Amino acid sequence: MSVEVWAMLGAGAATLVAGLILVRPRLRAASGPGRLIVLGPVFEAVALAIFAAEHATAARDLMPIVPHWLPGPLFWTYFIGAALLAAALSFIAWRCVRWSASLLALFFFLIVSIVDLPNLASQFHDRFFWILTVRETAFGSGALVLAGSVWPRSGSTGTLLMRIGRTILAPIFVFYGAVHFLFPHNVPGVPLEKLIPSWVPAPLLLSWVVGIALILAGIGLLIPSAVRIAAAGSGAVLVLLTIFFYGLILLIELHTPLAVEGINYVGDTLLFAATALLAGSGSQPSNLRLNS
C-alpha cells in the first residue's frame, strides 16, 4: 500500500481510538439518543483526520482543486489539511469547540461559494453538481449546529446558529432521500456516481431503507420534539452504512488502485453520518458543554 493509504488509515484509526477514550465522560453523562449524538464530534474528527492526511501526502494531486485565481495553491492545500487536523484535535479533546466548529462551518460554506457556485450556470442540469454542492452545505450546517450548541447560554446567538443549521439540513436530507428512490442503483448515503457493486444483496432495499431514514430525519429536524431521535436515528443508519457497506468495499479495494477512492468514500459517508448526529447537538445536558 502507498504512503497516502497508510497515512489516511493511520490518521483515521488513531483519531477514532483517542476520540472514544476522551469522549467517555460526556458519554456517561448522556442518556437515550444523546449517547449517539455525543459521538458525532468523534466521527467528525475521524473523517477530518482522514482528509487531513490525504492533503499532507497527496498535496500535488489535490492542488488543482484550489481556484486558479488564488496564488500559492500548494500552500493552500497544505494549509487546509492542517486546518482540518486542528479541527479534528479540537473535537476529540473537546477544547475550543465553539471556534473550531464555527471556522469549520465557514470553511465548508466558502467551498460552496468559491468552488461550487461559480460553476452553477454550466452545470445547472447535472444532478451530481447539486449533490456535491449540498453535501458541502450540509457539512457546514452540521458544524454550525455544533458551534451553536456550545455557544454561551447568555445570548440568543447559539440558538440562532442551531436553528439555521437544522433548517438548512432538513431539505438536504429530504433531497438526498428522494434521490435514493429516483436513482437506487447509485451508492447510498451521499448518492454519488459510484454504482452499488453487483455482489451486494438486495441493493434496491438498501437504497430505499437509507432513503426513508433520510427523509424522516429531514422532517424530524423541523419538529423540536423530534430533533434528537431524527439526528440519532439517521446518524446510526449512516454509521452502520459506513462500517458494513463502505468498510467492506474498502477491504476489497484496499490492495488495488482504488484504495484511496475507497477510503474517501468511507470518510465522506462518516462525515455525513457525523453531520446527522451533530444536527442533534444542543439537546444534551448543560454539563456536556463545559470547557468547550
Protein backbone atom coordinates (compact mmCIF):
# COMPACT_ATOMS: atom_id res chain seq x y z
CA MET A 1 0.00 0.00 0.00
CA SER A 2 1.11 3.56 -0.68
CA VAL A 3 2.19 6.12 1.90
CA GLU A 4 -1.04 8.01 1.20
CA VAL A 5 -3.18 4.97 2.03
CA TRP A 6 -1.23 4.19 5.20
CA ALA A 7 -1.40 7.81 6.32
CA MET A 8 -5.16 8.09 5.77
CA LEU A 9 -5.88 4.79 7.52
CA GLY A 10 -3.49 5.54 10.37
CA ALA A 11 -4.85 9.03 10.97
CA GLY A 12 -8.42 7.78 10.99
CA ALA A 13 -7.69 4.85 13.32
CA ALA A 14 -5.62 6.92 15.78
CA THR A 15 -8.28 9.63 15.93
CA LEU A 16 -11.04 7.07 16.49
CA VAL A 17 -9.22 5.39 19.36
CA ALA A 18 -8.30 8.70 21.02
CA GLY A 19 -11.78 10.09 20.47
CA LEU A 20 -13.53 7.07 22.01
CA ILE A 21 -11.28 7.28 25.06
CA LEU A 22 -11.66 11.02 25.59
CA VAL A 23 -15.43 11.08 24.99
CA ARG A 24 -16.18 8.69 27.88
CA PRO A 25 -17.03 11.37 30.50
CA ARG A 26 -19.55 13.02 28.18
CA LEU A 27 -20.86 9.65 27.07
CA ARG A 28 -21.53 8.62 30.68
CA ALA A 29 -23.38 11.91 31.30
CA ALA A 30 -25.66 11.40 28.28
CA SER A 31 -28.72 9.21 28.03
CA GLY A 32 -31.00 7.79 25.36
CA PRO A 33 -30.43 9.22 21.86
CA GLY A 34 -27.98 11.66 23.44
CA ARG A 35 -25.41 8.87 23.70
CA LEU A 36 -25.27 8.63 19.92
CA ILE A 37 -25.32 12.40 19.48
CA VAL A 38 -22.31 12.77 21.77
CA LEU A 39 -20.34 10.56 19.37
CA GLY A 40 -20.98 12.97 16.49
CA PRO A 41 -17.87 15.11 17.10
CA VAL A 42 -15.73 11.96 17.37
CA PHE A 43 -16.90 10.64 13.99
CA GLU A 44 -16.50 14.13 12.54
CA ALA A 45 -12.92 14.21 13.82
CA VAL A 46 -12.12 10.80 12.32
CA ALA A 47 -13.29 11.89 8.87
CA LEU A 48 -11.45 15.21 9.11
CA ALA A 49 -8.24 13.44 10.14
CA ILE A 50 -8.51 11.11 7.14
CA PHE A 51 -8.83 14.04 4.76
CA ALA A 52 -6.08 15.97 6.56
CA ALA A 53 -3.70 13.05 5.98
CA GLU A 54 -4.69 12.97 2.32
CA HIS A 55 -3.88 16.68 1.99
CA ALA A 56 -0.49 16.11 3.63
CA THR A 57 0.55 13.13 1.49
CA ALA A 58 -1.11 13.92 -1.86
CA ALA A 59 -0.97 17.72 -1.90
CA ARG A 60 0.14 17.97 -5.52
CA ASP A 61 -2.73 15.75 -6.66
CA LEU A 62 -5.27 17.87 -4.75
CA MET A 63 -3.69 21.22 -5.68
CA PRO A 64 -5.71 21.68 -8.93
CA ILE A 65 -8.91 21.94 -6.84
CA VAL A 66 -7.71 25.29 -5.48
CA PRO A 67 -9.31 28.13 -7.53
CA HIS A 68 -6.93 29.33 -10.24
CA TRP A 69 -7.17 32.95 -9.10
CA LEU A 70 -5.82 32.08 -5.65
CA PRO A 71 -1.99 32.33 -5.52
CA GLY A 72 0.11 29.61 -3.92
CA PRO A 73 -2.18 26.58 -4.49
CA LEU A 74 0.28 24.17 -2.87
CA PHE A 75 0.41 26.32 0.26
CA TRP A 76 -3.40 26.41 0.48
CA THR A 77 -3.60 22.65 0.04
CA TYR A 78 -1.28 22.07 2.99
CA PHE A 79 -2.96 24.83 4.98
CA ILE A 80 -6.40 23.26 4.54
CA GLY A 81 -5.02 19.89 5.63
CA ALA A 82 -3.52 21.46 8.75
CA ALA A 83 -6.80 23.27 9.49
CA LEU A 84 -8.79 20.05 9.17
CA LEU A 85 -6.38 18.30 11.53
CA ALA A 86 -6.65 21.17 14.04
CA ALA A 87 -10.44 20.89 13.97
CA ALA A 88 -10.23 17.12 14.48
CA LEU A 89 -7.96 17.55 17.52
CA SER A 90 -10.29 20.20 18.95
CA PHE A 91 -13.30 17.90 18.65
CA ILE A 92 -11.72 14.87 20.31
CA ALA A 93 -10.06 16.93 23.06
CA TRP A 94 -13.31 18.92 23.44
CA ARG A 95 -11.42 22.20 23.70
CA CYS A 96 -12.19 25.47 21.85
CA VAL A 97 -15.04 23.68 20.08
CA ARG A 98 -17.05 26.87 19.64
CA TRP A 99 -14.33 28.38 17.49
CA SER A 100 -13.19 25.24 15.67
CA ALA A 101 -16.78 24.35 14.74
CA SER A 102 -17.52 27.92 13.63
CA LEU A 103 -14.41 28.06 11.47
CA LEU A 104 -15.13 24.61 10.03
CA ALA A 105 -18.63 25.77 9.07
CA LEU A 106 -17.12 28.86 7.45
CA PHE A 107 -14.64 26.65 5.55
CA PHE A 108 -17.37 24.49 4.02
CA PHE A 109 -19.53 27.49 3.15
CA LEU A 110 -16.52 29.12 1.47
CA ILE A 111 -16.02 25.97 -0.63
CA VAL A 112 -19.63 26.28 -1.79
CA SER A 113 -19.16 29.99 -2.53
CA ILE A 114 -15.82 29.96 -4.35
CA VAL A 115 -15.63 26.43 -5.83
CA ASP A 116 -19.19 25.20 -6.43
CA LEU A 117 -21.38 28.24 -7.15
CA PRO A 118 -19.12 29.74 -9.85
CA ASN A 119 -19.92 26.60 -11.91
CA LEU A 120 -23.67 26.92 -11.39
CA ALA A 121 -24.51 28.16 -14.89
CA SER A 122 -22.52 25.48 -16.73
CA GLN A 123 -23.61 22.55 -14.53
CA PHE A 124 -27.13 23.57 -13.58
CA HIS A 125 -28.68 20.40 -15.07
CA ASP A 126 -26.07 18.00 -13.64
CA ARG A 127 -27.57 16.26 -10.61
CA PHE A 128 -24.12 15.35 -9.26
CA PHE A 129 -23.21 19.04 -9.18
CA TRP A 130 -26.17 19.62 -6.88
CA ILE A 131 -25.41 16.53 -4.81
CA LEU A 132 -21.84 17.75 -4.22
CA THR A 133 -22.87 21.34 -3.61
CA VAL A 134 -25.46 20.47 -0.98
CA ARG A 135 -23.04 17.96 0.54
CA GLU A 136 -20.59 20.74 1.41
CA THR A 137 -23.52 22.87 2.56
CA ALA A 138 -24.69 20.04 4.82
CA PHE A 139 -21.22 19.60 6.31
CA GLY A 140 -21.07 23.31 7.06
CA SER A 141 -24.56 23.31 8.55
CA GLY A 142 -23.75 20.41 10.87
CA ALA A 143 -20.69 22.26 12.15
CA LEU A 144 -22.88 25.36 12.57
CA VAL A 145 -25.28 23.44 14.82
CA LEU A 146 -22.36 22.16 16.89
CA ALA A 147 -20.98 25.68 17.26
CA GLY A 148 -24.37 26.95 18.38
CA SER A 149 -24.76 24.13 20.89
CA VAL A 150 -21.60 25.19 22.77
CA TRP A 151 -22.17 28.92 22.48
CA PRO A 152 -22.57 30.79 25.79
CA ARG A 153 -26.11 30.40 27.05
CA SER A 154 -26.41 34.09 27.99
CA GLY A 155 -27.39 35.22 24.48
CA SER A 156 -29.52 34.07 21.57
CA THR A 157 -26.62 33.54 19.13
CA GLY A 158 -26.29 29.84 19.89
CA THR A 159 -30.00 29.18 19.44
CA LEU A 160 -29.99 31.07 16.16
CA LEU A 161 -27.00 29.12 14.82
CA MET A 162 -28.63 25.80 15.70
CA ARG A 163 -31.90 26.85 14.11
CA ILE A 164 -30.19 27.99 10.91
CA GLY A 165 -28.13 24.82 10.67
CA ARG A 166 -31.09 22.49 11.14
CA THR A 167 -33.27 24.49 8.77
CA ILE A 168 -30.64 24.09 6.03
CA LEU A 169 -30.05 20.41 6.80
CA ALA A 170 -33.72 19.40 6.74
CA PRO A 171 -34.37 19.91 2.99
CA ILE A 172 -30.95 18.50 2.12
CA PHE A 173 -31.82 15.26 3.92
CA VAL A 174 -35.17 15.10 2.13
CA PHE A 175 -33.47 15.81 -1.22
CA TYR A 176 -30.87 13.08 -0.68
CA GLY A 177 -33.60 10.70 0.47
CA ALA A 178 -35.62 11.33 -2.71
CA VAL A 179 -32.53 10.72 -4.87
CA HIS A 180 -32.24 7.25 -3.32
CA PHE A 181 -35.65 6.39 -4.81
CA LEU A 182 -35.06 8.08 -8.17
CA PHE A 183 -31.60 6.55 -8.69
CA PRO A 184 -31.48 3.49 -6.41
CA HIS A 185 -28.53 1.86 -8.17
CA ASN A 186 -26.08 4.56 -7.09
CA VAL A 187 -24.30 4.09 -3.79
CA PRO A 188 -26.36 5.16 -0.75
CA GLY A 189 -25.64 7.82 1.84
CA VAL A 190 -24.20 10.61 -0.27
CA PRO A 191 -25.62 9.38 -3.63
CA LEU A 192 -22.60 9.90 -5.88
CA GLU A 193 -21.68 8.43 -9.28
CA LYS A 194 -20.37 5.09 -8.00
CA LEU A 195 -22.78 2.21 -8.55
CA ILE A 196 -23.65 -0.35 -5.88
CA PRO A 197 -21.42 -3.40 -6.51
CA SER A 198 -23.15 -6.41 -8.05
CA TRP A 199 -22.25 -8.63 -5.07
CA VAL A 200 -24.31 -6.54 -2.63
CA PRO A 201 -27.55 -8.39 -1.77
CA ALA A 202 -30.88 -6.54 -2.16
CA PRO A 203 -29.33 -3.27 -3.43
CA LEU A 204 -32.72 -1.65 -4.03
CA LEU A 205 -33.83 -2.41 -0.48
CA LEU A 206 -30.61 -0.90 0.86
CA SER A 207 -31.18 2.32 -1.08
CA TRP A 208 -34.82 2.52 -0.02
CA VAL A 209 -34.03 1.99 3.67
CA VAL A 210 -31.39 4.73 3.64
CA GLY A 211 -33.67 6.99 1.62
CA ILE A 212 -36.56 6.57 4.07
CA ALA A 213 -34.24 7.23 7.02
CA LEU A 214 -33.02 10.47 5.43
CA ILE A 215 -36.49 11.72 4.51
CA LEU A 216 -37.81 11.03 8.02
CA ALA A 217 -34.75 12.72 9.52
CA GLY A 218 -35.27 15.79 7.34
CA ILE A 219 -38.85 16.09 8.55
CA GLY A 220 -37.88 15.39 12.16
CA LEU A 221 -35.24 18.13 12.22
CA LEU A 222 -38.02 20.69 11.75
CA ILE A 223 -40.01 19.38 14.73
CA PRO A 224 -38.35 20.45 18.02
CA SER A 225 -39.58 17.43 19.96
CA ALA A 226 -38.27 15.05 17.28
CA VAL A 227 -34.81 16.55 16.68
CA ARG A 228 -32.90 14.18 18.97
CA ILE A 229 -34.43 10.98 17.60
CA ALA A 230 -34.18 12.23 14.00
CA ALA A 231 -30.49 13.04 14.41
CA ALA A 232 -29.63 9.88 16.35
CA GLY A 233 -31.67 7.59 14.08
CA SER A 234 -30.30 8.87 10.77
CA GLY A 235 -26.80 9.11 12.22
CA ALA A 236 -26.95 5.49 13.36
CA VAL A 237 -28.12 4.33 9.91
CA LEU A 238 -25.28 6.20 8.23
CA VAL A 239 -22.64 4.95 10.68
CA LEU A 240 -23.77 1.36 10.08
CA LEU A 241 -23.70 2.04 6.34
CA THR A 242 -20.13 3.34 6.67
CA ILE A 243 -18.97 0.26 8.56
CA PHE A 244 -20.78 -2.59 6.84
CA PHE A 245 -21.13 -1.25 3.29
CA TYR A 246 -18.28 1.15 2.57
CA GLY A 247 -15.97 -0.60 5.02
CA LEU A 248 -16.44 -3.88 3.17
CA ILE A 249 -15.90 -2.20 -0.19
CA LEU A 250 -12.68 -0.69 1.19
CA LEU A 251 -11.44 -4.10 2.34
CA ILE A 252 -11.99 -5.45 -1.17
CA GLU A 253 -10.27 -2.47 -2.82
CA LEU A 254 -7.52 -1.95 -0.25
CA HIS A 255 -4.74 -3.57 -2.29
CA THR A 256 -5.90 -2.17 -5.62
CA PRO A 257 -5.51 1.25 -7.32
CA LEU A 258 -8.97 2.09 -5.92
CA ALA A 259 -7.77 2.08 -2.31
CA VAL A 260 -7.70 5.87 -1.93
CA GLU A 261 -11.13 6.16 -3.50
CA GLY A 262 -12.43 3.52 -1.09
CA ILE A 263 -11.05 5.43 1.91
CA ASN A 264 -12.54 8.65 0.59
CA TYR A 265 -15.98 7.07 0.39
CA VAL A 266 -15.60 5.84 3.97
CA GLY A 267 -14.52 9.29 5.15
CA ASP A 268 -17.21 11.05 3.15
CA THR A 269 -20.04 8.88 4.46
CA LEU A 270 -18.71 9.03 8.01
CA LEU A 271 -18.62 12.82 7.75
CA PHE A 272 -22.24 12.76 6.59
CA ALA A 273 -23.13 10.46 9.49
CA ALA A 274 -21.41 12.85 11.89
CA THR A 275 -23.31 15.74 10.33
CA ALA A 276 -26.59 13.94 11.05
CA LEU A 277 -25.56 13.41 14.67
CA LEU A 278 -24.33 17.00 15.03
CA ALA A 279 -27.80 18.15 13.98
CA GLY A 280 -28.98 16.90 17.37
CA SER A 281 -26.35 18.87 19.29
CA GLY A 282 -27.69 21.20 21.92
CA SER A 283 -30.18 18.71 23.34
CA GLN A 284 -27.66 17.27 25.83
CA PRO A 285 -27.50 18.30 29.49
CA SER A 286 -25.65 21.56 30.06
CA ASN A 287 -22.70 19.87 31.79
CA LEU A 288 -21.71 18.40 28.45
CA ARG A 289 -20.90 21.86 27.18
CA LEU A 290 -18.25 22.66 29.77
CA ASN A 291 -14.71 23.50 28.62
CA SER A 292 -15.84 23.87 25.02
